[in-house]
Amino acid sequence: MAVKIVAVIVRNLRKAETKILENGHGSIDLLTDKDNYSSLVGK
């Protein structure tokens, strides 16, 4: 159950990352968050 929720969060972060990178704002924080969620999913 928790993995499913995290997977959805990761997907949303990736969508948000694309928008933010296009705008050029806040990309570093979001990339860090995405990496943290990805490592959780990988376990």
N, C-alpha and C. Protein backbone atom coordinates (compact mmCIF):
# COMPACT_ATOMS: atom_id res chain seq x y z
N MET A 1 0.83 -1.21 0.00
CA MET A 1 0.00 0.00 0.00
C MET A 1 0.87 1.26 0.00
N ALA A 2 1.83 1.31 0.93
CA ALA A 2 2.69 2.50 1.02
C ALA A 2 3.50 2.70 -0.25
N VAL A 3 3.97 1.59 -0.82
CA VAL A 3 4.77 1.68 -2.06
C VAL A 3 3.93 2.30 -3.17
N LYS A 4 2.64 1.91 -3.22
CA LYS A 4 1.74 2.44 -4.24
C LYS A 4 1.62 3.96 -4.10
N ILE A 5 1.45 4.41 -2.87
CA ILE A 5 1.31 5.85 -2.61
C ILE A 5 2.59 6.59 -3.01
N VAL A 6 3.74 6.04 -2.64
CA VAL A 6 5.02 6.66 -2.98
C VAL A 6 5.19 6.73 -4.49
N ALA A 7 4.77 5.66 -5.18
CA ALA A 7 4.90 5.64 -6.64
C ALA A 7 4.09 6.77 -7.26
N VAL A 8 2.90 7.03 -6.72
CA VAL A 8 2.08 8.14 -7.23
C VAL A 8 2.77 9.47 -6.97
N ILE A 9 3.36 9.61 -5.78
CA ILE A 9 4.07 10.85 -5.44
C ILE A 9 5.23 11.07 -6.40
N VAL A 10 5.98 9.99 -6.69
CA VAL A 10 7.11 10.10 -7.61
C VAL A 10 6.63 10.55 -8.98
N ARG A 11 5.52 9.97 -9.44
CA ARG A 11 4.99 10.32 -10.75
C ARG A 11 4.61 11.81 -10.77
N ASN A 12 3.96 12.27 -9.70
CA ASN A 12 3.58 13.68 -9.62
C ASN A 12 4.80 14.58 -9.57
N LEU A 13 5.84 14.15 -8.85
CA LEU A 13 7.07 14.95 -8.79
C LEU A 13 7.70 15.07 -10.16
N ARG A 14 7.68 13.98 -10.93
CA ARG A 14 8.28 14.03 -12.27
C ARG A 14 7.53 15.00 -13.17
N LYS A 15 6.19 15.00 -13.07
CA LYS A 15 5.40 15.95 -13.85
C LYS A 15 5.72 17.38 -13.42
N ALA A 16 5.77 17.59 -12.10
CA ALA A 16 6.06 18.92 -11.57
C ALA A 16 7.47 19.35 -11.95
N GLU A 17 8.40 18.39 -11.93
CA GLU A 17 9.79 18.69 -12.28
C GLU A 17 9.89 19.26 -13.69
N THR A 18 9.17 18.65 -14.62
CA THR A 18 9.18 19.11 -16.00
C THR A 18 8.70 20.56 -16.08
N LYS A 19 7.60 20.86 -15.40
CA LYS A 19 7.07 22.23 -15.43
C LYS A 19 8.06 23.20 -14.80
N ILE A 20 8.62 22.81 -13.66
CA ILE A 20 9.51 23.72 -12.94
C ILE A 20 10.80 23.94 -13.73
N LEU A 21 11.31 22.88 -14.35
CA LEU A 21 12.53 23.05 -15.15
C LEU A 21 12.27 23.97 -16.34
N GLU A 22 11.08 23.89 -16.92
CA GLU A 22 10.73 24.79 -18.02
C GLU A 22 10.70 26.24 -17.54
N ASN A 23 10.19 26.43 -16.31
CA ASN A 23 10.11 27.77 -15.73
C ASN A 23 11.44 28.23 -15.15
N GLY A 24 12.31 27.25 -14.85
CA GLY A 24 13.63 27.59 -14.31
C GLY A 24 13.64 27.92 -12.83
N HIS A 25 12.60 27.50 -12.10
CA HIS A 25 12.53 27.80 -10.66
C HIS A 25 12.49 26.51 -9.85
N GLY A 26 13.27 26.46 -8.77
CA GLY A 26 13.16 25.40 -7.77
C GLY A 26 13.54 24.01 -8.24
N SER A 27 14.31 23.89 -9.30
CA SER A 27 14.58 22.56 -9.85
C SER A 27 15.45 21.72 -8.91
N ILE A 28 16.37 22.36 -8.17
CA ILE A 28 17.30 21.59 -7.34
C ILE A 28 16.54 20.87 -6.21
N ASP A 29 15.67 21.59 -5.51
CA ASP A 29 14.92 20.97 -4.42
C ASP A 29 14.09 19.81 -4.93
N LEU A 30 13.45 20.01 -6.05
CA LEU A 30 12.56 18.98 -6.58
C LEU A 30 13.36 17.75 -7.02
N LEU A 31 14.50 17.96 -7.63
CA LEU A 31 15.33 16.83 -8.04
C LEU A 31 15.78 16.03 -6.82
N THR A 32 16.11 16.71 -5.74
CA THR A 32 16.52 16.03 -4.51
C THR A 32 15.36 15.21 -3.97
N ASP A 33 14.17 15.80 -3.93
CA ASP A 33 13.00 15.07 -3.44
C ASP A 33 12.74 13.83 -4.29
N LYS A 34 12.82 14.00 -5.60
CA LYS A 34 12.56 12.87 -6.51
C LYS A 34 13.54 11.74 -6.23
N ASP A 35 14.82 12.08 -6.02
CA ASP A 35 15.82 11.05 -5.75
C ASP A 35 15.51 10.33 -4.44
N ASN A 36 15.06 11.08 -3.43
CA ASN A 36 14.71 10.46 -2.15
C ASN A 36 13.56 9.49 -2.33
N TYR A 37 12.52 9.89 -3.05
CA TYR A 37 11.38 9.01 -3.27
C TYR A 37 11.78 7.79 -4.11
N SER A 38 12.62 8.00 -5.10
CA SER A 38 13.06 6.89 -5.94
C SER A 38 13.80 5.85 -5.12
N SER A 39 14.63 6.29 -4.17
CA SER A 39 15.37 5.34 -3.34
C SER A 39 14.42 4.57 -2.43
N LEU A 40 13.33 5.22 -2.00
CA LEU A 40 12.33 4.51 -1.19
C LEU A 40 11.64 3.43 -2.02
N VAL A 41 11.28 3.78 -3.25
CA VAL A 41 10.60 2.82 -4.12
C VAL A 41 11.53 1.65 -4.43
N GLY A 42 12.82 1.93 -4.56
CA GLY A 42 13.78 0.89 -4.91
C GLY A 42 13.99 -0.15 -3.82
N LYS A 43 13.61 0.18 -2.58
CA LYS A 43 13.86 -0.76 -1.47
C LYS A 43 12.79 -1.83 -1.37
